Amino acid sequence: MEPRTALRPSPVLYAQALLSHLEDLRASMEPELQQHAPIQLHAYAAQLAINEVALSGDPAVKEQSTGLTSPNLSRLKHLHASLQAIKSWLDVFFALPLASFMGVPTCHILQLRHCMGLLFVLSTLDDASWSTEDVRADVDILTVIDRMSDKFRQVARASGIDANGEPQGEDVWTRAAGRTQGLRQLWATKLAAQPATQPESSYTAVTPVTNANGALFANWSDLDFSNFDWINSTFLS
């Protein structure tokens, strides 16, 4: 007799509980704290991390219908919530005063990396029930990169550390702006290779590819995180 396999709760159940707890935590804060930029950045980053369950390899999440049947609405809900969390995080980030960037904590730099990585995934996700065109219309990743690069150059000028293009005296923010543009070129090429339109049947969902172990976030295999080495070498070394 084969041993009985213990039932394991779906990540979706944990996600719903965590999102509810996050909302309760927000509601318990004083109004002025809720509008505090660092707290907002952490809250939106947490919201994104929880909703990433939509890219999970768990059968309860990734199971898709075939033919003219309805898509996995729970998964789509988390995908859309992920996109909105990224959008909200970026809105707060770009609204930060230039002076605050000189002392920006490492955690926010890592959150930026996380948001951009997920935005690329959502902008290229191969799923017939998910419109990458709508994603780019709502949050165009190339425009975001341009804003990042411009913001970094503004920080360098405002702080008086702009090296005026001198390679040997290049400051960290000017260097980051240049490397960001290099990432833009790479991603622009990959985005250009995407189909111009989504498949005709918006109800034929594509099951995400998972590895042999059914690892979580298997869709991220299309994203080469070595693209973000410039963040490590620029801000974290």
C-alpha atoms as a PDB file:
ATOM      1  CA  MET A   1       0.000   0.000   0.000  1.00  0.00           C
ATOM      2  CA  GLU A   2       1.438   3.320  -1.071  1.00  0.00           C
ATOM      3  CA  PRO A   3       1.875   5.943   1.653  1.00  0.00           C
ATOM      4  CA  ARG A   4      -0.779   8.626   1.647  1.00  0.00           C
ATOM      5  CA  THR A   5       0.398  11.952   0.306  1.00  0.00           C
ATOM      6  CA  ALA A   6      -0.229  14.787   2.714  1.00  0.00           C
ATOM      7  CA  LEU A   7      -2.470  17.511   1.355  1.00  0.00           C
ATOM      8  CA  ARG A   8      -0.688  20.808   0.870  1.00  0.00           C
ATOM      9  CA  PRO A   9      -2.691  24.054   0.860  1.00  0.00           C
ATOM     10  CA  SER A  10      -2.574  25.967  -2.398  1.00  0.00           C
ATOM     11  CA  PRO A  11      -0.425  29.130  -2.494  1.00  0.00           C
ATOM     12  CA  VAL A  12      -3.598  30.953  -3.553  1.00  0.00           C
ATOM     13  CA  LEU A  13      -5.042  30.461  -0.073  1.00  0.00           C
ATOM     14  CA  TYR A  14      -1.936  31.926   1.518  1.00  0.00           C
ATOM     15  CA  ALA A  15      -1.973  34.822  -0.953  1.00  0.00           C
ATOM     16  CA  GLN A  16      -5.545  35.754  -0.110  1.00  0.00           C
ATOM     17  CA  ALA A  17      -4.816  35.645   3.619  1.00  0.00           C
ATOM     18  CA  LEU A  18      -1.630  37.693   3.244  1.00  0.00           C
ATOM     19  CA  LEU A  19      -3.342  40.330   1.100  1.00  0.00           C
ATOM     20  CA  SER A  20      -6.112  40.624   3.663  1.00  0.00           C
ATOM     21  CA  HIS A  21      -3.540  41.011   6.439  1.00  0.00           C
ATOM     22  CA  LEU A  22      -1.686  43.653   4.423  1.00  0.00           C
ATOM     23  CA  GLU A  23      -4.875  45.677   3.965  1.00  0.00           C
ATOM     24  CA  ASP A  24      -5.646  45.414   7.688  1.00  0.00           C
ATOM     25  CA  LEU A  25      -2.144  46.649   8.463  1.00  0.00           C
ATOM     26  CA  ARG A  26      -2.554  49.629   6.150  1.00  0.00           C
ATOM     27  CA  ALA A  27      -5.924  50.502   7.661  1.00  0.00           C
ATOM     28  CA  SER A  28      -4.441  50.442  11.163  1.00  0.00           C
ATOM     29  CA  MET A  29      -1.885  53.137  10.300  1.00  0.00           C
ATOM     30  CA  GLU A  30      -2.341  56.828  10.856  1.00  0.00           C
ATOM     31  CA  PRO A  31      -3.251  58.678   7.622  1.00  0.00           C
ATOM     32  CA  GLU A  32       0.070  60.533   7.530  1.00  0.00           C
ATOM     33  CA  LEU A  33       1.974  57.252   7.789  1.00  0.00           C
ATOM     34  CA  GLN A  34      -0.049  55.767   4.948  1.00  0.00           C
ATOM     35  CA  GLN A  35       1.187  58.618   2.741  1.00  0.00           C
ATOM     36  CA  HIS A  36       4.824  58.231   3.837  1.00  0.00           C
ATOM     37  CA  ALA A  37       6.797  57.298   0.699  1.00  0.00           C
ATOM     38  CA  PRO A  38       9.062  54.601   2.218  1.00  0.00           C
ATOM     39  CA  ILE A  39       6.056  52.860   3.758  1.00  0.00           C
ATOM     40  CA  GLN A  40       4.184  53.048   0.458  1.00  0.00           C
ATOM     41  CA  LEU A  41       7.149  51.528  -1.381  1.00  0.00           C
ATOM     42  CA  HIS A  42       7.354  48.654   1.089  1.00  0.00           C
ATOM     43  CA  ALA A  43       3.588  48.105   0.961  1.00  0.00           C
ATOM     44  CA  TYR A  44       3.423  47.977  -2.837  1.00  0.00           C
ATOM     45  CA  ALA A  45       6.500  45.730  -2.953  1.00  0.00           C
ATOM     46  CA  ALA A  46       4.799  43.352  -0.515  1.00  0.00           C
ATOM     47  CA  GLN A  47       1.608  43.458  -2.576  1.00  0.00           C
ATOM     48  CA  LEU A  48       3.599  42.548  -5.674  1.00  0.00           C
ATOM     49  CA  ALA A  49       5.445  39.717  -3.930  1.00  0.00           C
ATOM     50  CA  ILE A  50       2.163  38.188  -2.766  1.00  0.00           C
ATOM     51  CA  ASN A  51       0.402  38.457  -6.120  1.00  0.00           C
ATOM     52  CA  GLU A  52       3.308  36.764  -7.871  1.00  0.00           C
ATOM     53  CA  VAL A  53       1.470  33.576  -6.991  1.00  0.00           C
ATOM     54  CA  ALA A  54      -0.048  34.009 -10.470  1.00  0.00           C
ATOM     55  CA  LEU A  55       3.293  32.859 -11.886  1.00  0.00           C
ATOM     56  CA  SER A  56       3.463  29.890  -9.571  1.00  0.00           C
ATOM     57  CA  GLY A  57       3.996  26.338 -10.771  1.00  0.00           C
ATOM     58  CA  ASP A  58       1.338  25.132  -8.355  1.00  0.00           C
ATOM     59  CA  PRO A  59      -1.419  23.197 -10.218  1.00  0.00           C
ATOM     60  CA  ALA A  60      -4.160  25.167  -8.472  1.00  0.00           C
ATOM     61  CA  VAL A  61      -2.737  28.331  -9.985  1.00  0.00           C
ATOM     62  CA  LYS A  62      -1.356  27.321 -13.350  1.00  0.00           C
ATOM     63  CA  GLU A  63      -4.115  24.950 -14.438  1.00  0.00           C
ATOM     64  CA  GLN A  64      -5.653  26.390 -17.576  1.00  0.00           C
ATOM     65  CA  SER A  65      -8.666  25.580 -19.695  1.00  0.00           C
ATOM     66  CA  THR A  66      -8.433  24.592 -23.327  1.00  0.00           C
ATOM     67  CA  GLY A  67     -10.709  25.386 -26.223  1.00  0.00           C
ATOM     68  CA  LEU A  68     -13.513  27.914 -25.939  1.00  0.00           C
ATOM     69  CA  THR A  69     -13.774  27.806 -22.176  1.00  0.00           C
ATOM     70  CA  SER A  70     -13.262  30.521 -19.623  1.00  0.00           C
ATOM     71  CA  PRO A  71      -9.705  31.394 -18.535  1.00  0.00           C
ATOM     72  CA  ASN A  72      -8.361  30.947 -15.021  1.00  0.00           C
ATOM     73  CA  LEU A  73      -9.942  34.030 -13.459  1.00  0.00           C
ATOM     74  CA  SER A  74      -8.077  33.685 -10.176  1.00  0.00           C
ATOM     75  CA  ARG A  75      -4.743  33.736 -11.980  1.00  0.00           C
ATOM     76  CA  LEU A  76      -5.767  36.718 -14.107  1.00  0.00           C
ATOM     77  CA  LYS A  77      -6.841  38.572 -10.978  1.00  0.00           C
ATOM     78  CA  HIS A  78      -3.385  38.151  -9.449  1.00  0.00           C
ATOM     79  CA  LEU A  79      -1.655  39.073 -12.716  1.00  0.00           C
ATOM     80  CA  HIS A  80      -3.614  42.324 -12.935  1.00  0.00           C
ATOM     81  CA  ALA A  81      -2.970  43.020  -9.250  1.00  0.00           C
ATOM     82  CA  SER A  82       0.756  42.496  -9.869  1.00  0.00           C
ATOM     83  CA  LEU A  83       0.699  45.023 -12.693  1.00  0.00           C
ATOM     84  CA  GLN A  84      -1.138  47.586 -10.575  1.00  0.00           C
ATOM     85  CA  ALA A  85       1.309  47.080  -7.693  1.00  0.00           C
ATOM     86  CA  ILE A  86       4.220  47.734 -10.063  1.00  0.00           C
ATOM     87  CA  LYS A  87       2.515  50.823 -11.446  1.00  0.00           C
ATOM     88  CA  SER A  88       1.817  52.181  -7.962  1.00  0.00           C
ATOM     89  CA  TRP A  89       5.372  51.464  -6.783  1.00  0.00           C
ATOM     90  CA  LEU A  90       6.850  53.270  -9.780  1.00  0.00           C
ATOM     91  CA  ASP A  91       4.542  56.268  -9.276  1.00  0.00           C
ATOM     92  CA  VAL A  92       5.833  56.685  -5.723  1.00  0.00           C
ATOM     93  CA  PHE A  93       9.446  56.094  -6.766  1.00  0.00           C
ATOM     94  CA  PHE A  94       9.418  58.705  -9.527  1.00  0.00           C
ATOM     95  CA  ALA A  95       7.726  61.218  -7.214  1.00  0.00           C
ATOM     96  CA  LEU A  96      10.578  61.044  -4.683  1.00  0.00           C
ATOM     97  CA  PRO A  97      12.489  64.331  -4.294  1.00  0.00           C
ATOM     98  CA  LEU A  98      15.875  64.290  -6.002  1.00  0.00           C
ATOM     99  CA  ALA A  99      17.656  64.925  -2.704  1.00  0.00           C
ATOM    100  CA  SER A 100      16.254  61.715  -1.214  1.00  0.00           C
ATOM    101  CA  PHE A 101      18.040  59.577  -3.806  1.00  0.00           C
ATOM    102  CA  MET A 102      21.440  60.321  -2.300  1.00  0.00           C
ATOM    103  CA  GLY A 103      20.518  58.229   0.724  1.00  0.00           C
ATOM    104  CA  VAL A 104      18.120  55.766  -0.868  1.00  0.00           C
ATOM    105  CA  PRO A 105      18.192  52.447   1.049  1.00  0.00           C
ATOM    106  CA  THR A 106      19.433  49.306  -0.675  1.00  0.00           C
ATOM    107  CA  CYS A 107      16.038  47.672  -0.133  1.00  0.00           C
ATOM    108  CA  HIS A 108      14.392  50.181  -2.482  1.00  0.00           C
ATOM    109  CA  ILE A 109      17.029  49.561  -5.161  1.00  0.00           C
ATOM    110  CA  LEU A 110      16.273  45.841  -4.929  1.00  0.00           C
ATOM    111  CA  GLN A 111      12.545  46.591  -5.087  1.00  0.00           C
ATOM    112  CA  LEU A 112      13.170  48.572  -8.270  1.00  0.00           C
ATOM    113  CA  ARG A 113      14.972  45.583  -9.750  1.00  0.00           C
ATOM    114  CA  HIS A 114      12.079  43.343  -8.739  1.00  0.00           C
ATOM    115  CA  CYS A 115       9.442  45.636 -10.239  1.00  0.00           C
ATOM    116  CA  MET A 116      11.282  45.962 -13.534  1.00  0.00           C
ATOM    117  CA  GLY A 117      11.853  42.222 -13.763  1.00  0.00           C
ATOM    118  CA  LEU A 118       8.179  41.459 -13.195  1.00  0.00           C
ATOM    119  CA  LEU A 119       7.110  44.211 -15.578  1.00  0.00           C
ATOM    120  CA  PHE A 120       9.211  42.603 -18.294  1.00  0.00           C
ATOM    121  CA  VAL A 121       7.622  39.216 -17.558  1.00  0.00           C
ATOM    122  CA  LEU A 122       4.117  40.690 -17.726  1.00  0.00           C
ATOM    123  CA  SER A 123       5.019  42.565 -20.919  1.00  0.00           C
ATOM    124  CA  THR A 124       6.053  39.345 -22.658  1.00  0.00           C
ATOM    125  CA  LEU A 125       3.899  36.681 -20.969  1.00  0.00           C
ATOM    126  CA  ASP A 126       2.841  34.074 -23.523  1.00  0.00           C
ATOM    127  CA  ASP A 127      -0.734  33.438 -22.439  1.00  0.00           C
ATOM    128  CA  ALA A 128      -3.728  33.863 -24.725  1.00  0.00           C
ATOM    129  CA  SER A 129      -5.874  35.120 -21.850  1.00  0.00           C
ATOM    130  CA  TRP A 130      -3.352  37.874 -21.077  1.00  0.00           C
ATOM    131  CA  SER A 131      -2.897  40.870 -23.369  1.00  0.00           C
ATOM    132  CA  THR A 132       0.677  42.109 -23.463  1.00  0.00           C
ATOM    133  CA  GLU A 133      -0.510  44.968 -25.670  1.00  0.00           C
ATOM    134  CA  ASP A 134      -2.759  46.173 -22.851  1.00  0.00           C
ATOM    135  CA  VAL A 135       0.164  45.900 -20.434  1.00  0.00           C
ATOM    136  CA  ARG A 136       2.356  48.079 -22.626  1.00  0.00           C
ATOM    137  CA  ALA A 137      -0.477  50.562 -23.122  1.00  0.00           C
ATOM    138  CA  ASP A 138      -0.898  50.846 -19.349  1.00  0.00           C
ATOM    139  CA  VAL A 139       2.756  50.698 -18.258  1.00  0.00           C
ATOM    140  CA  ASP A 140       5.166  50.855 -21.181  1.00  0.00           C
ATOM    141  CA  ILE A 141       8.395  49.330 -19.937  1.00  0.00           C
ATOM    142  CA  LEU A 142      10.591  51.254 -22.386  1.00  0.00           C
ATOM    143  CA  THR A 143       9.073  54.547 -21.260  1.00  0.00           C
ATOM    144  CA  VAL A 144       9.700  53.535 -17.654  1.00  0.00           C
ATOM    145  CA  ILE A 145      13.359  52.850 -18.447  1.00  0.00           C
ATOM    146  CA  ASP A 146      13.672  56.263 -20.114  1.00  0.00           C
ATOM    147  CA  ARG A 147      12.194  57.892 -17.007  1.00  0.00           C
ATOM    148  CA  MET A 148      14.627  55.962 -14.808  1.00  0.00           C
ATOM    149  CA  SER A 149      17.594  57.081 -16.868  1.00  0.00           C
ATOM    150  CA  ASP A 150      16.433  60.696 -16.873  1.00  0.00           C
ATOM    151  CA  LYS A 151      15.774  60.589 -13.122  1.00  0.00           C
ATOM    152  CA  PHE A 152      19.247  59.244 -12.394  1.00  0.00           C
ATOM    153  CA  ARG A 153      20.855  62.014 -14.467  1.00  0.00           C
ATOM    154  CA  GLN A 154      18.754  64.611 -12.651  1.00  0.00           C
ATOM    155  CA  VAL A 155      19.985  63.240  -9.325  1.00  0.00           C
ATOM    156  CA  ALA A 156      23.601  63.609 -10.453  1.00  0.00           C
ATOM    157  CA  ARG A 157      23.069  67.202 -11.594  1.00  0.00           C
ATOM    158  CA  ALA A 158      21.042  68.233  -8.546  1.00  0.00           C
ATOM    159  CA  SER A 159      23.622  66.827  -6.141  1.00  0.00           C
ATOM    160  CA  GLY A 160      26.537  68.462  -7.930  1.00  0.00           C
ATOM    161  CA  ILE A 161      28.334  65.197  -8.687  1.00  0.00           C
ATOM    162  CA  ASP A 162      27.693  65.113 -12.434  1.00  0.00           C
ATOM    163  CA  ALA A 163      31.031  64.322 -14.068  1.00  0.00           C
ATOM    164  CA  ASN A 164      29.944  65.959 -17.357  1.00  0.00           C
ATOM    165  CA  GLY A 165      30.682  62.855 -19.375  1.00  0.00           C
ATOM    166  CA  GLU A 166      34.226  62.354 -18.121  1.00  0.00           C
ATOM    167  CA  PRO A 167      34.677  58.535 -18.042  1.00  0.00           C
ATOM    168  CA  GLN A 168      37.208  58.478 -15.204  1.00  0.00           C
ATOM    169  CA  GLY A 169      35.151  60.755 -13.001  1.00  0.00           C
ATOM    170  CA  GLU A 170      31.765  59.280 -13.791  1.00  0.00           C
ATOM    171  CA  ASP A 171      29.506  59.276 -10.757  1.00  0.00           C
ATOM    172  CA  VAL A 172      27.295  56.379  -9.708  1.00  0.00           C
ATOM    173  CA  TRP A 173      24.044  57.971 -10.935  1.00  0.00           C
ATOM    174  CA  THR A 174      25.357  58.949 -14.369  1.00  0.00           C
ATOM    175  CA  ARG A 175      26.809  55.460 -14.735  1.00  0.00           C
ATOM    176  CA  ALA A 176      23.465  53.940 -13.728  1.00  0.00           C
ATOM    177  CA  ALA A 177      21.669  56.091 -16.313  1.00  0.00           C
ATOM    178  CA  GLY A 178      23.960  54.848 -19.071  1.00  0.00           C
ATOM    179  CA  ARG A 179      23.634  51.215 -18.080  1.00  0.00           C
ATOM    180  CA  THR A 180      19.869  51.588 -17.882  1.00  0.00           C
ATOM    181  CA  GLN A 181      19.850  52.658 -21.519  1.00  0.00           C
ATOM    182  CA  GLY A 182      21.858  49.551 -22.367  1.00  0.00           C
ATOM    183  CA  LEU A 183      19.144  47.462 -20.733  1.00  0.00           C
ATOM    184  CA  ARG A 184      16.566  49.383 -22.760  1.00  0.00           C
ATOM    185  CA  GLN A 185      18.207  48.367 -26.023  1.00  0.00           C
ATOM    186  CA  LEU A 186      18.247  44.720 -24.974  1.00  0.00           C
ATOM    187  CA  TRP A 187      14.609  44.672 -23.924  1.00  0.00           C
ATOM    188  CA  ALA A 188      13.467  46.699 -26.939  1.00  0.00           C
ATOM    189  CA  THR A 189      14.893  43.960 -29.153  1.00  0.00           C
ATOM    190  CA  LYS A 190      13.062  41.258 -27.205  1.00  0.00           C
ATOM    191  CA  LEU A 191       9.799  43.200 -27.210  1.00  0.00           C
ATOM    192  CA  ALA A 192      10.042  43.766 -30.957  1.00  0.00           C
ATOM    193  CA  ALA A 193      10.193  39.995 -31.419  1.00  0.00           C
ATOM    194  CA  GLN A 194       6.820  39.566 -29.692  1.00  0.00           C
ATOM    195  CA  PRO A 195       3.721  38.884 -31.860  1.00  0.00           C
ATOM    196  CA  ALA A 196       1.970  42.070 -32.923  1.00  0.00           C
ATOM    197  CA  THR A 197      -1.413  40.725 -31.853  1.00  0.00           C
ATOM    198  CA  GLN A 198      -2.719  38.193 -29.379  1.00  0.00           C
ATOM    199  CA  PRO A 199      -4.205  34.867 -30.597  1.00  0.00           C
ATOM    200  CA  GLU A 200      -7.775  35.184 -31.865  1.00  0.00           C
ATOM    201  CA  SER A 201      -9.281  33.002 -29.162  1.00  0.00           C
ATOM    202  CA  SER A 202      -8.948  34.964 -25.945  1.00  0.00           C
ATOM    203  CA  TYR A 203     -10.145  31.923 -24.020  1.00  0.00           C
ATOM    204  CA  THR A 204      -7.406  29.487 -24.974  1.00  0.00           C
ATOM    205  CA  ALA A 205      -4.931  29.900 -22.165  1.00  0.00           C
ATOM    206  CA  VAL A 206      -1.361  28.713 -22.378  1.00  0.00           C
ATOM    207  CA  THR A 207      -0.017  26.769 -19.432  1.00  0.00           C
ATOM    208  CA  PRO A 208       3.234  28.265 -18.123  1.00  0.00           C
ATOM    209  CA  VAL A 209       6.315  26.146 -18.664  1.00  0.00           C
ATOM    210  CA  THR A 210       7.721  24.692 -15.466  1.00  0.00           C
ATOM    211  CA  ASN A 211      10.947  22.917 -14.758  1.00  0.00           C
ATOM    212  CA  ALA A 212      11.225  19.277 -13.727  1.00  0.00           C
ATOM    213  CA  ASN A 213      10.532  20.155 -10.112  1.00  0.00           C
ATOM    214  CA  GLY A 214       7.554  22.370 -10.887  1.00  0.00           C
ATOM    215  CA  ALA A 215       9.440  25.275  -9.385  1.00  0.00           C
ATOM    216  CA  LEU A 216       7.621  28.470  -8.587  1.00  0.00           C
ATOM    217  CA  PHE A 217       7.870  31.386 -11.001  1.00  0.00           C
ATOM    218  CA  ALA A 218       8.978  29.139 -13.844  1.00  0.00           C
ATOM    219  CA  ASN A 219       7.889  31.844 -16.309  1.00  0.00           C
ATOM    220  CA  TRP A 220      10.893  33.822 -15.144  1.00  0.00           C
ATOM    221  CA  SER A 221      13.100  31.427 -17.114  1.00  0.00           C
ATOM    222  CA  ASP A 222      12.599  33.764 -20.080  1.00  0.00           C
ATOM    223  CA  LEU A 223      14.133  36.614 -18.114  1.00  0.00           C
ATOM    224  CA  ASP A 224      17.904  36.661 -17.861  1.00  0.00           C
ATOM    225  CA  PHE A 225      18.542  38.305 -14.515  1.00  0.00           C
ATOM    226  CA  SER A 226      22.162  38.845 -15.470  1.00  0.00           C
ATOM    227  CA  ASN A 227      20.664  41.869 -17.244  1.00  0.00           C
ATOM    228  CA  PHE A 228      20.541  43.423 -13.787  1.00  0.00           C
ATOM    229  CA  ASP A 229      24.237  43.025 -13.027  1.00  0.00           C
ATOM    230  CA  TRP A 230      24.545  46.784 -13.480  1.00  0.00           C
ATOM    231  CA  ILE A 231      22.444  47.282 -10.353  1.00  0.00           C
ATOM    232  CA  ASN A 232      24.770  45.096  -8.306  1.00  0.00           C
ATOM    233  CA  SER A 233      27.942  46.697  -9.648  1.00  0.00           C
ATOM    234  CA  THR A 234      26.590  50.252  -9.523  1.00  0.00           C
ATOM    235  CA  PHE A 235      24.683  50.430  -6.260  1.00  0.00           C
ATOM    236  CA  LEU A 236      25.565  47.360  -4.206  1.00  0.00           C
ATOM    237  CA  SER A 237      29.325  46.994  -4.563  1.00  0.00           C
END
